[in-house]
Amino acid sequence: MSDDNKNIEQTRELELFTIRGILKSEQGRQFLFRCLENCYTFDNTYDADHNKHIYKSGARKHGLWLDAELREADSDLYYLMLKENR
């Protein structure tokens, strides 16, 4: 493995480690869940107003990215977060 690939892998592991650290606290899980909600992650983004629809769709794209990051970091803590906040 090249040094560049090692650096990329180490950076990614550090990112996941950081996310796990946030997910380990109840307050961190509450905050991340609010972020997902504010990004319309769990909602339909359709709006008759074209501009609102575009805005919500863009926010949801970010929410879906965050959702995937959380699940990759620690799926058990992710599902605990959902259970605590639903």
C-alpha atoms as a PDB file:
ATOM      1  CA  MET A   1       0.000   0.000   0.000  1.00  0.00           C
ATOM      2  CA  SER A   2       1.366   3.381  -0.951  1.00  0.00           C
ATOM      3  CA  ASP A   3       1.902   6.171   1.565  1.00  0.00           C
ATOM      4  CA  ASP A   4      -0.923   8.180  -0.030  1.00  0.00           C
ATOM      5  CA  ASN A   5      -3.361   5.297   0.389  1.00  0.00           C
ATOM      6  CA  LYS A   6      -2.251   4.808   4.002  1.00  0.00           C
ATOM      7  CA  ASN A   7      -2.842   8.504   4.718  1.00  0.00           C
ATOM      8  CA  ILE A   8      -6.306   8.385   3.144  1.00  0.00           C
ATOM      9  CA  GLU A   9      -7.182   5.257   5.143  1.00  0.00           C
ATOM     10  CA  GLN A  10      -5.872   6.775   8.390  1.00  0.00           C
ATOM     11  CA  THR A  11      -7.804   9.993   7.766  1.00  0.00           C
ATOM     12  CA  ARG A  12     -10.991   8.027   7.155  1.00  0.00           C
ATOM     13  CA  GLU A  13     -10.508   5.964  10.312  1.00  0.00           C
ATOM     14  CA  LEU A  14     -10.002   9.171  12.305  1.00  0.00           C
ATOM     15  CA  GLU A  15     -13.244  10.585  10.869  1.00  0.00           C
ATOM     16  CA  LEU A  16     -15.166   7.440  11.849  1.00  0.00           C
ATOM     17  CA  PHE A  17     -13.531   7.448  15.301  1.00  0.00           C
ATOM     18  CA  THR A  18     -14.661  11.052  15.801  1.00  0.00           C
ATOM     19  CA  ILE A  19     -18.229  10.253  14.742  1.00  0.00           C
ATOM     20  CA  ARG A  20     -18.301   7.255  17.111  1.00  0.00           C
ATOM     21  CA  GLY A  21     -17.179   9.547  19.932  1.00  0.00           C
ATOM     22  CA  ILE A  22     -20.122  11.862  19.300  1.00  0.00           C
ATOM     23  CA  LEU A  23     -22.552   8.939  18.999  1.00  0.00           C
ATOM     24  CA  LYS A  24     -21.419   7.536  22.352  1.00  0.00           C
ATOM     25  CA  SER A  25     -23.027  10.370  24.308  1.00  0.00           C
ATOM     26  CA  GLU A  26     -26.777  10.815  24.617  1.00  0.00           C
ATOM     27  CA  GLN A  27     -26.408  14.542  23.950  1.00  0.00           C
ATOM     28  CA  GLY A  28     -24.359  13.808  20.822  1.00  0.00           C
ATOM     29  CA  ARG A  29     -27.028  11.428  19.533  1.00  0.00           C
ATOM     30  CA  GLN A  30     -29.755  14.008  20.218  1.00  0.00           C
ATOM     31  CA  PHE A  31     -27.795  16.670  18.330  1.00  0.00           C
ATOM     32  CA  LEU A  32     -27.091  14.430  15.340  1.00  0.00           C
ATOM     33  CA  PHE A  33     -30.732  13.356  15.170  1.00  0.00           C
ATOM     34  CA  ARG A  34     -31.785  17.032  15.111  1.00  0.00           C
ATOM     35  CA  CYS A  35     -29.308  17.591  12.271  1.00  0.00           C
ATOM     36  CA  LEU A  36     -30.883  14.727  10.333  1.00  0.00           C
ATOM     37  CA  GLU A  37     -34.374  16.115  10.967  1.00  0.00           C
ATOM     38  CA  ASN A  38     -33.357  19.632   9.926  1.00  0.00           C
ATOM     39  CA  CYS A  39     -32.041  18.197   6.664  1.00  0.00           C
ATOM     40  CA  TYR A  40     -35.418  16.593   5.846  1.00  0.00           C
ATOM     41  CA  THR A  41     -33.733  13.184   5.949  1.00  0.00           C
ATOM     42  CA  PHE A  42     -36.893  11.409   7.068  1.00  0.00           C
ATOM     43  CA  ASP A  43     -39.362  13.594   5.143  1.00  0.00           C
ATOM     44  CA  ASN A  44     -40.718  13.948   1.662  1.00  0.00           C
ATOM     45  CA  THR A  45     -39.101  17.010   0.110  1.00  0.00           C
ATOM     46  CA  TYR A  46     -41.846  17.675  -2.431  1.00  0.00           C
ATOM     47  CA  ASP A  47     -43.217  21.197  -2.379  1.00  0.00           C
ATOM     48  CA  ALA A  48     -45.456  22.866  -4.944  1.00  0.00           C
ATOM     49  CA  ASP A  49     -43.161  25.870  -4.704  1.00  0.00           C
ATOM     50  CA  HIS A  50     -40.279  24.930  -6.993  1.00  0.00           C
ATOM     51  CA  ASN A  51     -37.699  26.938  -5.021  1.00  0.00           C
ATOM     52  CA  LYS A  52     -38.682  25.304  -1.716  1.00  0.00           C
ATOM     53  CA  HIS A  53     -38.518  21.880  -3.353  1.00  0.00           C
ATOM     54  CA  ILE A  54     -35.000  22.552  -4.644  1.00  0.00           C
ATOM     55  CA  TYR A  55     -33.889  23.850  -1.236  1.00  0.00           C
ATOM     56  CA  LYS A  56     -35.324  20.858   0.642  1.00  0.00           C
ATOM     57  CA  SER A  57     -33.839  18.400  -1.855  1.00  0.00           C
ATOM     58  CA  GLY A  58     -30.387  19.914  -1.457  1.00  0.00           C
ATOM     59  CA  ALA A  59     -30.652  19.818   2.336  1.00  0.00           C
ATOM     60  CA  ARG A  60     -31.867  16.207   2.184  1.00  0.00           C
ATOM     61  CA  LYS A  61     -28.857  15.214   0.067  1.00  0.00           C
ATOM     62  CA  HIS A  62     -26.609  16.409   2.885  1.00  0.00           C
ATOM     63  CA  GLY A  63     -28.806  14.630   5.450  1.00  0.00           C
ATOM     64  CA  LEU A  64     -28.565  11.355   3.547  1.00  0.00           C
ATOM     65  CA  TRP A  65     -24.781  11.736   3.450  1.00  0.00           C
ATOM     66  CA  LEU A  66     -24.696  12.304   7.216  1.00  0.00           C
ATOM     67  CA  ASP A  67     -27.043   9.349   7.752  1.00  0.00           C
ATOM     68  CA  ALA A  68     -24.669   7.067   5.817  1.00  0.00           C
ATOM     69  CA  GLU A  69     -21.657   8.363   7.762  1.00  0.00           C
ATOM     70  CA  LEU A  70     -23.362   7.645  11.091  1.00  0.00           C
ATOM     71  CA  ARG A  71     -24.335   4.121  10.055  1.00  0.00           C
ATOM     72  CA  GLU A  72     -20.833   3.376   8.808  1.00  0.00           C
ATOM     73  CA  ALA A  73     -19.238   4.690  11.999  1.00  0.00           C
ATOM     74  CA  ASP A  74     -21.361   2.544  14.342  1.00  0.00           C
ATOM     75  CA  SER A  75     -24.644   1.001  13.244  1.00  0.00           C
ATOM     76  CA  ASP A  76     -25.590  -0.078  16.791  1.00  0.00           C
ATOM     77  CA  LEU A  77     -25.287   3.465  18.141  1.00  0.00           C
ATOM     78  CA  TYR A  78     -27.071   4.784  15.051  1.00  0.00           C
ATOM     79  CA  TYR A  79     -30.086   2.560  15.719  1.00  0.00           C
ATOM     80  CA  LEU A  80     -29.983   3.496  19.406  1.00  0.00           C
ATOM     81  CA  MET A  81     -30.171   7.148  18.326  1.00  0.00           C
ATOM     82  CA  LEU A  82     -33.235   6.407  16.211  1.00  0.00           C
ATOM     83  CA  LYS A  83     -34.877   4.491  19.041  1.00  0.00           C
ATOM     84  CA  GLU A  84     -34.241   7.300  21.528  1.00  0.00           C
ATOM     85  CA  ASN A  85     -35.638   9.985  19.270  1.00  0.00           C
ATOM     86  CA  ARG A  86     -38.623   8.393  17.558  1.00  0.00           C
END
